[in-house]
């Protein structure tokens, strides 16, 4: 794989559609509150009144007023304007401009605003949608947050310089979803990147397929290529990547694409790109693959060592009948030797869909039982499996994913081909906090391939967006990236640009939670049996 183009800073020639509203793709709620704080320099007690839509922070803000004379009756003062506080000066009521505290900036699609010298300023990062690519197709499969509030995303785009097929593609977006850099990597043929991580030196590493085998690439924070390495075996494919320990990178996938008896492949790479060790799992008569990889949490006795999620697949005799999937989780030590293996589920139409490491050294695993349900399990540092809960699955699932946020909250993505994707937010016990139907504009359909927590209640999503052209039989696909904040919002209405969780919804039945849907308004979702008994 060779460097085809590096564009650390580019204009939006890869067409980016930035929506100021939230109604076009994936409606999302945001937190709307109001508040300010102030200190009054009177040489004595502070006399202030809460400001209408404002709240008083625990610590005084950078607002002072010269208060002389006796205090007046604050209770008799009129409510002050937003981002102001009522105070007394020389026996009279006055309003003091406030700095600090939250306020309503009038935009449902931003995070909470902040009071600055009496004015409500724009809040935190906006929720946004960016449609990317050169117009000929492409998709994004994975993302990570960067240090500036934006994201790096990985996927493939139509080759632009002398090649054919698709090039592996890294794209960087800022906190508002604007494209600020891209790297296209590839040779003639179809190259793709499907997973990526941030590295300890501020760079990005990504894995996928390039040339004739799996490939791992390392780039600097400005997009400059540092090194590129092939998988340890020819005709292999990488599907997952994790940063393990201080700097080692572990890539996982399949050792062979050409036979039904291929093995699960795990390659570990040193910071400079040298191959450190290789692990392969093969089972006679079965196709074995690794789909996810993660690292033990910092509090685990096996901290810094990888855990791999995958499956053994048995084909029916003669090619007829149901295939059998046996899902597993394998822990490896620092040299690539197997420590333990945990069996998760077996049956037809199964997918090892999601894996995330908790800080306590345990893992949350998502199993997609296509057409039936999503199953959540917790696996501890010794391989013990504990069921966490079950969630509805799609009729024909194409993609499911799992991400962990702060306080071990769980984000679950469920995508299928016959209904809008669902984004669910759960607490650490598996109870559903919120759920959202990710609808798309008329004439489009989104396929979501990647999910990552961005901090707080915000997540990032990537995939591709299909738009039907003037010919009914013709469609076009464009890559997209999206920021969605699942925080609380002021109401539940089909006409709102950003919808809330439960406000305005009737009390749901026992063992269900209420949520707002852009299409159907107030809806209910059953809670997992593991956390709710009627």
Protein backbone atom coordinates (compact mmCIF):
# COMPACT_ATOMS: atom_id res chain seq x y z
CA UNK A 1 0.00 0.00 0.00
CA UNK A 2 1.53 3.28 -1.04
CA UNK A 3 0.72 6.82 -0.03
CA UNK A 4 -1.47 8.23 -2.77
CA UNK A 5 -2.42 11.59 -1.35
CA UNK A 6 -1.94 13.53 1.84
CA UNK A 7 -4.07 16.59 2.50
CA UNK A 8 -3.62 17.77 6.08
CA UNK A 9 -5.71 20.87 5.45
CA UNK A 10 -8.11 20.99 2.53
CA UNK A 11 -11.22 22.95 1.54
CA UNK A 12 -14.50 21.08 1.39
CA UNK A 13 -13.99 19.73 -2.09
CA UNK A 14 -15.18 16.38 -0.75
CA UNK A 15 -18.72 17.72 -0.51
CA UNK A 16 -19.68 18.17 3.14
CA UNK A 17 -23.29 18.79 4.08
CA UNK A 18 -23.43 20.45 7.49
CA UNK A 19 -26.94 20.71 8.82
CA UNK A 20 -27.79 23.49 11.24
CA UNK A 21 -30.97 21.62 12.18
CA UNK A 22 -31.17 18.02 13.31
CA UNK A 23 -34.11 16.82 11.25
CA UNK A 24 -32.32 15.57 8.14
CA UNK A 25 -30.52 12.47 9.41
CA UNK A 26 -30.63 10.97 12.90
CA UNK A 27 -32.70 13.33 15.06
CA UNK A 28 -31.12 13.77 18.44
CA UNK A 29 -31.93 15.41 21.77
CA UNK A 30 -29.76 17.86 23.62
CA UNK A 31 -29.66 19.20 27.15
CA UNK A 32 -31.33 22.61 27.58
CA UNK A 33 -30.93 24.34 30.92
CA UNK A 34 -30.29 27.85 32.09
CA UNK A 35 -28.13 29.42 34.70
CA UNK A 36 -25.54 31.93 35.81
CA UNK A 37 -23.64 32.92 38.89
CA UNK A 38 -22.26 36.14 40.27
CA UNK A 39 -20.42 37.64 43.21
CA UNK A 40 -21.21 41.09 44.59
CA UNK A 41 -18.33 43.14 45.98
CA UNK A 42 -20.04 44.82 48.96
CA UNK A 43 -17.41 44.41 51.60
CA UNK A 44 -19.83 42.17 53.44
CA UNK A 45 -22.58 39.69 52.73
CA UNK A 46 -23.50 38.84 49.17
CA UNK A 47 -27.09 39.68 48.27
CA UNK A 48 -28.20 38.18 44.98
CA UNK A 49 -31.34 36.63 43.60
CA UNK A 50 -31.57 33.67 41.22
CA UNK A 51 -32.00 34.93 37.70
CA UNK A 52 -35.21 33.76 36.08
CA UNK A 53 -33.99 31.01 33.75
CA UNK A 54 -30.58 30.91 35.44
CA UNK A 55 -29.03 28.63 38.01
CA UNK A 56 -26.38 29.57 40.54
CA UNK A 57 -23.15 27.61 40.31
CA UNK A 58 -21.38 26.30 43.40
CA UNK A 59 -18.45 28.67 42.97
CA UNK A 60 -18.70 32.44 42.38
CA UNK A 61 -18.24 33.67 38.83
CA UNK A 62 -16.24 36.56 37.49
CA UNK A 63 -19.01 39.15 37.96
CA UNK A 64 -18.81 41.96 40.50
CA UNK A 65 -20.83 45.08 41.23
CA UNK A 66 -20.18 47.93 43.66
CA UNK A 67 -22.93 47.65 46.26
CA UNK A 68 -23.15 50.50 48.71
CA UNK A 69 -25.70 51.32 51.37
CA UNK A 70 -28.21 49.03 53.03
CA UNK A 71 -29.57 45.95 51.34
CA UNK A 72 -33.03 46.02 49.85
CA UNK A 73 -35.59 43.22 49.94
CA UNK A 74 -34.36 40.81 47.28
CA UNK A 75 -37.65 38.94 47.40
CA UNK A 76 -39.43 42.04 46.14
CA UNK A 77 -37.04 42.55 43.20
CA UNK A 78 -38.40 41.55 39.76
CA UNK A 79 -36.96 38.48 38.09
CA UNK A 80 -33.84 39.48 36.18
CA UNK A 81 -33.21 38.87 32.50
CA UNK A 82 -31.50 35.64 31.45
CA UNK A 83 -27.79 35.59 32.29
CA UNK A 84 -28.34 38.30 34.93
CA UNK A 85 -28.77 38.15 38.69
CA UNK A 86 -30.83 40.44 40.91
CA UNK A 87 -28.86 42.36 43.55
CA UNK A 88 -29.22 45.36 45.80
CA UNK A 89 -27.29 48.59 45.45
CA UNK A 90 -27.89 51.56 47.71
CA UNK A 91 -31.24 50.11 48.69
CA UNK A 92 -32.44 49.65 45.12
CA UNK A 93 -32.86 46.53 42.98
CA UNK A 94 -30.35 46.18 40.22
CA UNK A 95 -29.47 43.49 37.62
CA UNK A 96 -25.91 42.18 37.49
CA UNK A 97 -24.51 40.61 34.27
CA UNK A 98 -23.45 37.05 34.98
CA UNK A 99 -20.59 34.95 33.66
CA UNK A 100 -20.64 31.20 34.06
CA UNK A 101 -23.47 28.75 34.43
CA UNK A 102 -25.66 27.28 31.73
CA UNK A 103 -28.38 28.99 29.72
CA UNK A 104 -30.74 28.41 26.83
CA UNK A 105 -29.08 29.74 23.68
CA UNK A 106 -32.23 29.15 21.63
CA UNK A 107 -30.70 26.39 19.50
CA UNK A 108 -32.09 22.92 20.18
CA UNK A 109 -29.26 21.33 18.25
CA UNK A 110 -26.35 22.56 20.35
CA UNK A 111 -25.21 21.51 23.73
CA UNK A 112 -25.96 23.81 26.66
CA UNK A 113 -25.01 27.47 26.25
CA UNK A 114 -22.91 29.46 28.74
CA UNK A 115 -23.46 32.91 30.21
CA UNK A 116 -20.69 35.33 29.33
CA UNK A 117 -20.95 38.87 30.72
CA UNK A 118 -24.74 38.82 30.61
CA UNK A 119 -25.04 37.19 27.19
CA UNK A 120 -25.97 33.59 26.45
CA UNK A 121 -23.28 32.26 24.14
CA UNK A 122 -23.32 29.17 21.95
CA UNK A 123 -22.88 25.94 23.82
CA UNK A 124 -20.59 22.99 23.31
CA UNK A 125 -19.98 21.02 20.14
CA UNK A 126 -22.87 20.99 17.70
CA UNK A 127 -24.55 17.86 16.53
CA UNK A 128 -23.76 17.54 12.85
CA UNK A 129 -23.97 15.41 9.74
CA UNK A 130 -21.24 15.41 7.10
CA UNK A 131 -21.71 13.68 3.76
CA UNK A 132 -18.27 13.06 2.28
CA UNK A 133 -16.49 11.63 -0.73
CA UNK A 134 -15.75 12.60 -4.31
CA UNK A 135 -19.21 11.86 -5.67
CA UNK A 136 -18.43 8.38 -6.94
CA UNK A 137 -19.19 6.39 -3.81
CA UNK A 138 -17.43 5.27 -0.68
CA UNK A 139 -18.14 4.51 2.94
CA UNK A 140 -16.74 4.96 6.44
CA UNK A 141 -16.53 1.96 8.74
CA UNK A 142 -14.93 3.17 11.99
CA UNK A 143 -14.07 6.31 13.95
CA UNK A 144 -12.22 7.61 17.00
CA UNK A 145 -12.36 10.95 18.79
CA UNK A 146 -9.39 13.29 18.41
CA UNK A 147 -7.97 15.63 21.02
CA UNK A 148 -9.72 18.70 19.54
CA UNK A 149 -13.31 17.48 19.84
CA UNK A 150 -13.50 16.19 16.27
CA UNK A 151 -13.04 12.70 14.88
CA UNK A 152 -10.85 10.59 12.66
CA UNK A 153 -12.79 8.14 10.47
CA UNK A 154 -11.61 5.25 8.28
CA UNK A 155 -13.10 3.57 5.24
CA UNK A 156 -12.76 3.56 1.47
CA UNK A 157 -13.36 6.03 -1.34
CA UNK A 158 -13.35 5.82 -5.12
CA UNK A 159 -9.77 5.97 -6.43
CA UNK A 160 -8.96 9.45 -7.75
CA UNK A 161 -5.42 9.32 -9.14
CA UNK A 162 -4.69 6.77 -11.82
CA UNK A 163 -6.00 3.74 -9.96
CA UNK A 164 -9.09 1.63 -10.31
CA UNK A 165 -11.56 0.47 -7.70
CA UNK A 166 -11.42 1.91 -4.19
CA UNK A 167 -8.61 3.33 -2.08
CA UNK A 168 -8.25 3.00 1.67
CA UNK A 169 -9.27 6.33 3.17
CA UNK A 170 -8.61 8.23 6.40
CA UNK A 171 -10.52 11.47 6.92
CA UNK A 172 -10.38 14.00 9.75
CA UNK A 173 -13.32 16.20 10.79
CA UNK A 174 -13.27 19.07 13.28
CA UNK A 175 -15.66 19.59 16.21
CA UNK A 176 -18.29 21.04 13.84
CA UNK A 177 -18.05 18.21 11.31
CA UNK A 178 -15.99 20.08 8.72
CA UNK A 179 -13.42 18.03 6.83
CA UNK A 180 -9.94 19.35 7.63
CA UNK A 181 -7.75 16.58 6.28
CA UNK A 182 -7.70 13.28 4.40
CA UNK A 183 -5.29 10.56 3.38
CA UNK A 184 -5.93 8.13 0.52
CA UNK A 185 -3.87 4.95 0.51
CA UNK A 186 -3.93 2.15 -2.00
CA UNK A 187 -2.89 0.30 -5.08
CA UNK A 188 -4.94 -0.71 -8.10
CA UNK A 189 -7.82 -2.82 -6.88
CA UNK A 190 -10.02 -2.57 -3.80
CA UNK A 191 -8.44 -1.30 -0.59
CA UNK A 192 -10.36 -0.60 2.58
CA UNK A 193 -9.84 0.39 6.23
CA UNK A 194 -12.28 -1.02 8.77
CA UNK A 195 -10.91 -0.20 12.25
CA UNK A 196 -8.68 2.44 13.82
CA UNK A 197 -7.28 3.63 17.16
CA UNK A 198 -5.45 6.66 18.49
CA UNK A 199 -1.85 5.98 19.45
CA UNK A 200 0.02 7.27 22.49
CA UNK A 201 2.08 9.67 20.36
CA UNK A 202 -1.00 11.46 19.02
CA UNK A 203 -1.14 9.57 15.74
CA UNK A 204 -3.64 7.16 14.23
CA UNK A 205 -3.30 3.47 13.36
CA UNK A 206 -5.80 1.68 11.11
CA UNK A 207 -6.29 -1.80 9.66
CA UNK A 208 -8.10 -3.29 6.71
CA UNK A 209 -7.35 -4.89 3.38
CA UNK A 210 -4.83 -3.71 0.82
CA UNK A 211 -3.21 -5.31 -2.18
CA UNK A 212 -3.43 -9.05 -1.55
CA UNK A 213 -3.69 -9.26 2.22
CA UNK A 214 -4.55 -7.50 5.46
CA UNK A 215 -2.74 -4.26 6.13
CA UNK A 216 -1.98 -1.99 9.07
CA UNK A 217 -0.95 1.65 8.64
CA UNK A 218 0.31 4.27 11.08
CA UNK A 219 -0.02 8.02 10.38
CA UNK A 220 0.95 11.12 12.32
CA UNK A 221 -1.59 13.56 13.69
CA UNK A 222 -1.24 15.66 10.53
CA UNK A 223 -1.95 12.66 8.28
CA UNK A 224 1.63 11.94 7.17
CA UNK A 225 2.28 8.22 6.71
CA UNK A 226 4.74 6.76 9.27
CA UNK A 227 4.73 3.09 8.25
CA UNK A 228 2.63 0.41 6.58
CA UNK A 229 2.85 -3.36 7.13
CA UNK A 230 1.18 -6.42 5.64
CA UNK A 231 -0.43 -9.15 7.71
CA UNK A 232 1.76 -12.06 8.73
CA UNK A 233 0.00 -14.28 6.19
CA UNK A 234 -0.89 -13.76 2.52
CA UNK A 235 -4.57 -13.52 1.60
CA UNK A 236 -5.49 -12.59 5.16
CA UNK A 237 -7.90 -9.88 6.27
CA UNK A 238 -7.96 -7.63 9.32
CA UNK A 239 -11.30 -6.67 10.89
CA UNK A 240 -10.30 -5.22 14.28
CA UNK A 241 -7.54 -3.25 16.01
CA UNK A 242 -6.65 -2.34 19.59
CA UNK A 243 -3.88 -0.35 21.26
CA UNK A 244 -2.50 -2.70 23.92
CA UNK A 245 -0.17 -1.65 26.71
CA UNK A 246 2.03 1.39 26.25
CA UNK A 247 2.35 1.32 22.48
CA UNK A 248 1.82 -2.14 20.97
CA UNK A 249 -0.90 -2.53 18.32
CA UNK A 250 -2.88 -5.76 17.96
CA UNK A 251 -4.77 -6.51 14.74
CA UNK A 252 -7.28 -9.37 14.40
CA UNK A 253 -9.13 -10.99 11.53
CA UNK A 254 -8.94 -14.04 9.27
CA UNK A 255 -5.82 -15.87 8.13
CA UNK A 256 -7.31 -16.95 4.79
CA UNK A 257 -10.12 -15.72 2.56
CA UNK A 258 -9.98 -18.50 -0.03
CA UNK A 259 -11.07 -21.64 1.86
CA UNK A 260 -13.78 -22.68 4.28
CA UNK A 261 -11.18 -23.80 6.80
CA UNK A 262 -9.39 -20.51 7.43
CA UNK A 263 -8.28 -19.55 10.91
CA UNK A 264 -8.64 -16.60 13.27
CA UNK A 265 -5.49 -14.47 13.00
CA UNK A 266 -4.07 -12.07 15.59
CA UNK A 267 -0.88 -10.09 14.82
CA UNK A 268 0.89 -7.84 17.34
CA UNK A 269 3.07 -4.97 16.10
CA UNK A 270 5.73 -2.94 17.89
CA UNK A 271 5.56 0.91 17.80
CA UNK A 272 7.95 1.05 14.83
CA UNK A 273 5.92 -1.48 12.86
CA UNK A 274 7.88 -4.69 13.44
CA UNK A 275 5.83 -7.86 13.92
CA UNK A 276 6.05 -8.90 17.60
CA UNK A 277 4.07 -12.16 17.60
CA UNK A 278 1.26 -14.02 15.84
CA UNK A 279 -1.62 -16.10 17.21
CA UNK A 280 -3.81 -18.31 15.03
CA UNK A 281 -6.81 -20.45 15.93
CA UNK A 282 -7.75 -23.24 13.51
CA UNK A 283 -10.42 -25.94 13.87
CA UNK A 284 -10.64 -28.78 11.35
CA UNK A 285 -13.71 -28.53 9.13
CA UNK A 286 -14.62 -25.05 10.37
CA UNK A 287 -14.05 -21.52 9.20
CA UNK A 288 -12.69 -19.52 12.14
CA UNK A 289 -12.52 -15.74 12.34
CA UNK A 290 -11.78 -12.96 14.83
CA UNK A 291 -14.08 -9.95 14.56
CA UNK A 292 -13.20 -7.70 17.54
CA UNK A 293 -10.21 -7.13 19.81
CA UNK A 294 -9.85 -5.14 23.03
CA UNK A 295 -7.41 -4.80 25.94
CA UNK A 296 -7.79 -5.57 29.63
CA UNK A 297 -8.54 -2.59 31.84
CA UNK A 298 -5.84 -0.90 33.90
CA UNK A 299 -7.04 -2.50 37.16
CA UNK A 300 -6.89 -6.05 35.84
CA UNK A 301 -4.09 -8.45 36.76
CA UNK A 302 -3.69 -8.96 33.00
CA UNK A 303 -3.60 -5.27 32.12
CA UNK A 304 -2.26 -4.52 28.67
CA UNK A 305 -3.00 -7.97 27.22
CA UNK A 306 -5.49 -8.48 24.38
CA UNK A 307 -8.85 -10.22 24.35
CA UNK A 308 -10.28 -11.40 21.02
CA UNK A 309 -13.92 -11.98 20.08
CA UNK A 310 -14.66 -14.36 17.23
CA UNK A 311 -16.47 -17.47 15.98
CA UNK A 312 -16.10 -21.01 14.67
CA UNK A 313 -18.37 -21.54 11.66
CA UNK A 314 -19.47 -25.01 10.52
CA UNK A 315 -20.88 -25.41 7.02
CA UNK A 316 -23.70 -27.94 6.46
CA UNK A 317 -22.83 -31.12 4.51
CA UNK A 318 -23.42 -30.70 0.80
CA UNK A 319 -23.99 -26.97 1.18
CA UNK A 320 -27.64 -27.27 2.24
CA UNK A 321 -29.15 -26.56 5.64
CA UNK A 322 -28.24 -24.10 8.38
CA UNK A 323 -24.71 -23.11 9.26
CA UNK A 324 -23.65 -23.33 12.89
CA UNK A 325 -21.82 -20.47 14.64
CA UNK A 326 -20.02 -20.96 17.94
CA UNK A 327 -19.01 -17.62 19.46
CA UNK A 328 -16.06 -17.29 21.83
CA UNK A 329 -13.82 -14.85 23.67
CA UNK A 330 -10.11 -15.66 23.98
CA UNK A 331 -7.59 -13.93 26.25
CA UNK A 332 -3.94 -13.83 25.19
CA UNK A 333 -0.85 -13.03 27.21
CA UNK A 334 1.89 -10.55 26.31
CA UNK A 335 3.58 -13.11 24.04
CA UNK A 336 0.48 -14.20 22.15
CA UNK A 337 -0.21 -17.41 24.09
CA UNK A 338 -3.82 -18.30 24.94
CA UNK A 339 -4.71 -17.78 28.63
CA UNK A 340 -8.37 -18.82 28.59
CA UNK A 341 -11.34 -19.25 26.25
CA UNK A 342 -14.93 -18.37 27.16
CA UNK A 343 -17.80 -19.86 25.14
CA UNK A 344 -20.59 -17.32 24.55
CA UNK A 345 -23.35 -18.68 22.29
CA UNK A 346 -23.99 -21.12 19.48
CA UNK A 347 -26.63 -21.47 16.79
CA UNK A 348 -27.51 -20.34 13.29
CA UNK A 349 -27.59 -16.68 12.20
CA UNK A 350 -25.33 -15.39 14.96
CA UNK A 351 -22.79 -12.56 14.84
CA UNK A 352 -20.06 -11.56 17.28
CA UNK A 353 -21.04 -7.93 17.08
CA UNK A 354 -19.44 -5.86 19.84
CA UNK A 355 -16.67 -5.87 22.46
CA UNK A 356 -15.62 -3.16 24.91
CA UNK A 357 -13.31 -3.16 27.95
CA UNK A 358 -14.41 -1.75 31.29
CA UNK A 359 -11.98 -0.06 33.63
CA UNK A 360 -12.39 -2.83 36.22
CA UNK A 361 -10.88 -5.39 33.85
CA UNK A 362 -14.15 -6.95 32.67
CA UNK A 363 -15.61 -6.83 29.17
CA UNK A 364 -19.06 -6.19 27.74
CA UNK A 365 -19.84 -8.42 24.76
CA UNK A 366 -22.66 -7.90 22.26
CA UNK A 367 -24.01 -10.93 20.39
CA UNK A 368 -26.38 -10.36 17.48
CA UNK A 369 -28.89 -13.18 17.12
CA UNK A 370 -30.14 -12.03 13.74
CA UNK A 371 -33.92 -11.76 13.55
CA UNK A 372 -34.37 -12.36 17.27
CA UNK A 373 -32.44 -10.27 19.81
CA UNK A 374 -29.22 -8.61 20.84
CA UNK A 375 -27.61 -10.31 23.84
CA UNK A 376 -25.33 -8.53 26.29
CA UNK A 377 -22.88 -10.47 28.46
CA UNK A 378 -20.19 -9.41 30.92
CA UNK A 379 -16.97 -11.46 30.96
CA UNK A 380 -14.58 -10.96 33.86
CA UNK A 381 -10.77 -11.06 33.76
CA UNK A 382 -10.78 -14.84 34.30
CA UNK A 383 -13.28 -15.69 31.58
CA UNK A 384 -16.45 -16.06 33.68
CA UNK A 385 -19.54 -15.11 31.67
CA UNK A 386 -22.50 -13.32 33.32
CA UNK A 387 -25.64 -12.46 31.30
CA UNK A 388 -26.44 -8.74 31.38
CA UNK A 389 -29.62 -8.46 29.33
CA UNK A 390 -31.39 -8.78 26.00
CA UNK A 391 -32.60 -6.19 23.51
CA UNK A 392 -34.72 -6.37 20.35
CA UNK A 393 -32.87 -7.19 17.14
CA UNK A 394 -33.62 -6.30 13.53
CA UNK A 395 -35.44 -8.47 11.03
CA UNK A 396 -32.44 -8.73 8.71
CA UNK A 397 -29.47 -7.33 10.57
CA UNK A 398 -26.56 -5.89 8.63
CA UNK A 399 -24.59 -4.25 11.42
CA UNK A 400 -24.59 -4.03 15.20
CA UNK A 401 -22.00 -2.40 17.42
CA UNK A 402 -21.22 -1.57 21.02
CA UNK A 403 -19.41 1.30 22.73
CA UNK A 404 -18.83 2.22 26.37
CA UNK A 405 -19.17 5.77 27.66
CA UNK A 406 -18.48 7.39 31.02
CA UNK A 407 -19.69 5.63 34.18
CA UNK A 408 -19.82 2.41 32.13
CA UNK A 409 -22.92 3.51 30.25
CA UNK A 410 -23.45 1.31 27.20
CA UNK A 411 -24.30 2.49 23.70
CA UNK A 412 -25.74 -0.15 21.38
CA UNK A 413 -26.28 0.26 17.65
CA UNK A 414 -28.73 -2.01 15.86
CA UNK A 415 -28.96 -1.62 12.11
CA UNK A 416 -31.04 -3.64 9.65
CA UNK A 417 -32.21 -3.48 6.05
CA UNK A 418 -35.96 -3.17 6.64
CA UNK A 419 -36.26 -0.44 9.30
CA UNK A 420 -34.39 2.62 10.58
CA UNK A 421 -31.35 1.88 12.69
CA UNK A 422 -31.81 2.10 16.44
CA UNK A 423 -29.37 3.74 18.84
CA UNK A 424 -29.85 2.68 22.48
CA UNK A 425 -28.27 4.07 25.63
CA UNK A 426 -28.10 1.72 28.66
CA UNK A 427 -26.72 2.07 32.15
CA UNK A 428 -24.07 -0.23 33.62
CA UNK A 429 -26.72 -2.79 34.63
CA UNK A 430 -28.15 -3.03 31.11
CA UNK A 431 -31.28 -0.97 31.80
CA UNK A 432 -32.35 1.19 28.85
CA UNK A 433 -31.98 4.92 29.48
CA UNK A 434 -32.92 6.17 26.02
CA UNK A 435 -33.47 4.85 22.51
CA UNK A 436 -33.64 6.61 19.20
CA UNK A 437 -34.81 5.59 15.74
CA UNK A 438 -32.20 6.94 13.32
CA UNK A 439 -34.42 8.09 10.47
CA UNK A 440 -33.12 9.52 7.19
CA UNK A 441 -34.39 12.10 4.69
CA UNK A 442 -36.95 11.07 2.11
CA UNK A 443 -35.37 9.09 -0.70
CA UNK A 444 -32.35 7.99 1.34
CA UNK A 445 -31.34 5.08 3.52
CA UNK A 446 -28.35 4.96 5.83
CA UNK A 447 -26.25 1.94 6.66
CA UNK A 448 -24.37 2.47 9.92
CA UNK A 449 -21.10 0.56 10.30
CA UNK A 450 -19.31 2.25 13.20
CA UNK A 451 -20.14 3.60 16.65
CA UNK A 452 -17.89 5.27 19.22
CA UNK A 453 -18.54 7.21 22.43
CA UNK A 454 -17.32 10.82 22.21
CA UNK A 455 -17.76 11.86 25.84
CA UNK A 456 -20.78 12.57 28.00
CA UNK A 457 -23.93 11.39 26.23
CA UNK A 458 -22.55 12.02 22.73
CA UNK A 459 -21.65 9.34 20.20
CA UNK A 460 -20.21 9.32 16.72
CA UNK A 461 -21.64 7.23 13.87
CA UNK A 462 -20.21 6.47 10.43
CA UNK A 463 -21.43 4.54 7.41
CA UNK A 464 -22.82 5.25 3.99
CA UNK A 465 -25.96 6.98 2.80
CA UNK A 466 -27.89 5.67 -0.20
CA UNK A 467 -29.82 8.13 -2.33
CA UNK A 468 -32.14 7.02 -5.13
CA UNK A 469 -31.40 8.89 -8.38
CA UNK A 470 -33.85 9.94 -11.08
CA UNK A 471 -33.86 6.39 -12.38
CA UNK A 472 -35.77 4.12 -10.01
CA UNK A 473 -33.26 1.34 -10.55
CA UNK A 474 -30.21 3.52 -9.93
CA UNK A 475 -28.76 4.42 -6.55
CA UNK A 476 -25.69 6.24 -5.31
CA UNK A 477 -23.80 5.74 -2.05
CA UNK A 478 -21.93 8.46 -0.16
CA UNK A 479 -19.92 8.16 3.02
CA UNK A 480 -21.22 10.02 6.07
CA UNK A 481 -20.10 10.84 9.60
CA UNK A 482 -22.48 12.02 12.32
CA UNK A 483 -22.36 13.37 15.87
CA UNK A 484 -25.41 12.62 18.02
CA UNK A 485 -25.97 13.77 21.60
CA UNK A 486 -28.42 11.66 23.61
CA UNK A 487 -28.74 14.09 26.51
CA UNK A 488 -32.12 15.22 27.85
CA UNK A 489 -34.20 17.64 25.78
CA UNK A 490 -37.16 19.92 26.52
CA UNK A 491 -39.97 17.92 24.99
CA UNK A 492 -41.30 15.13 22.83
CA UNK A 493 -42.85 16.27 19.58
CA UNK A 494 -42.71 14.95 16.03
CA UNK A 495 -42.20 18.51 14.79
CA UNK A 496 -39.23 19.29 17.03
CA UNK A 497 -35.83 19.28 15.36
CA UNK A 498 -34.30 17.64 18.43
CA UNK A 499 -36.41 15.27 20.47
CA UNK A 500 -36.40 14.41 24.16
CA UNK A 501 -36.39 11.17 26.09
CA UNK A 502 -39.58 10.98 28.16
CA UNK A 503 -40.86 14.54 28.63
CA UNK A 504 -44.46 14.67 27.44
CA UNK A 505 -44.77 10.87 27.24
CA UNK A 506 -47.26 8.97 29.40
CA UNK A 507 -45.94 6.80 32.22
CA UNK A 508 -44.82 3.56 30.51
CA UNK A 509 -45.99 0.10 31.61
CA UNK A 510 -43.98 -1.91 34.10
CA UNK A 511 -40.56 -3.09 32.87
CA UNK A 512 -40.56 -0.68 29.94
CA UNK A 513 -39.05 2.73 29.32
CA UNK A 514 -40.50 5.61 27.31
CA UNK A 515 -38.61 7.37 24.56
CA UNK A 516 -39.22 9.74 21.67
CA UNK A 517 -39.09 8.66 18.06
CA UNK A 518 -38.86 11.07 15.12
CA UNK A 519 -41.46 9.11 13.16
CA UNK A 520 -43.90 7.79 15.76
CA UNK A 521 -43.54 10.16 18.73
CA UNK A 522 -43.69 8.57 22.20
CA UNK A 523 -42.76 4.90 22.21
CA UNK A 524 -41.98 2.23 24.80
CA UNK A 525 -39.14 -0.26 24.88
CA UNK A 526 -39.00 -3.37 27.08
CA UNK A 527 -36.28 -3.46 29.72
CA UNK A 528 -33.96 -6.49 29.84
CA UNK A 529 -35.39 -9.30 32.02
CA UNK A 530 -32.10 -9.44 33.93
CA UNK A 531 -32.77 -6.02 35.47
CA UNK A 532 -36.57 -5.91 35.68
CA UNK A 533 -39.09 -8.40 37.04
CA UNK A 534 -42.80 -7.40 36.77
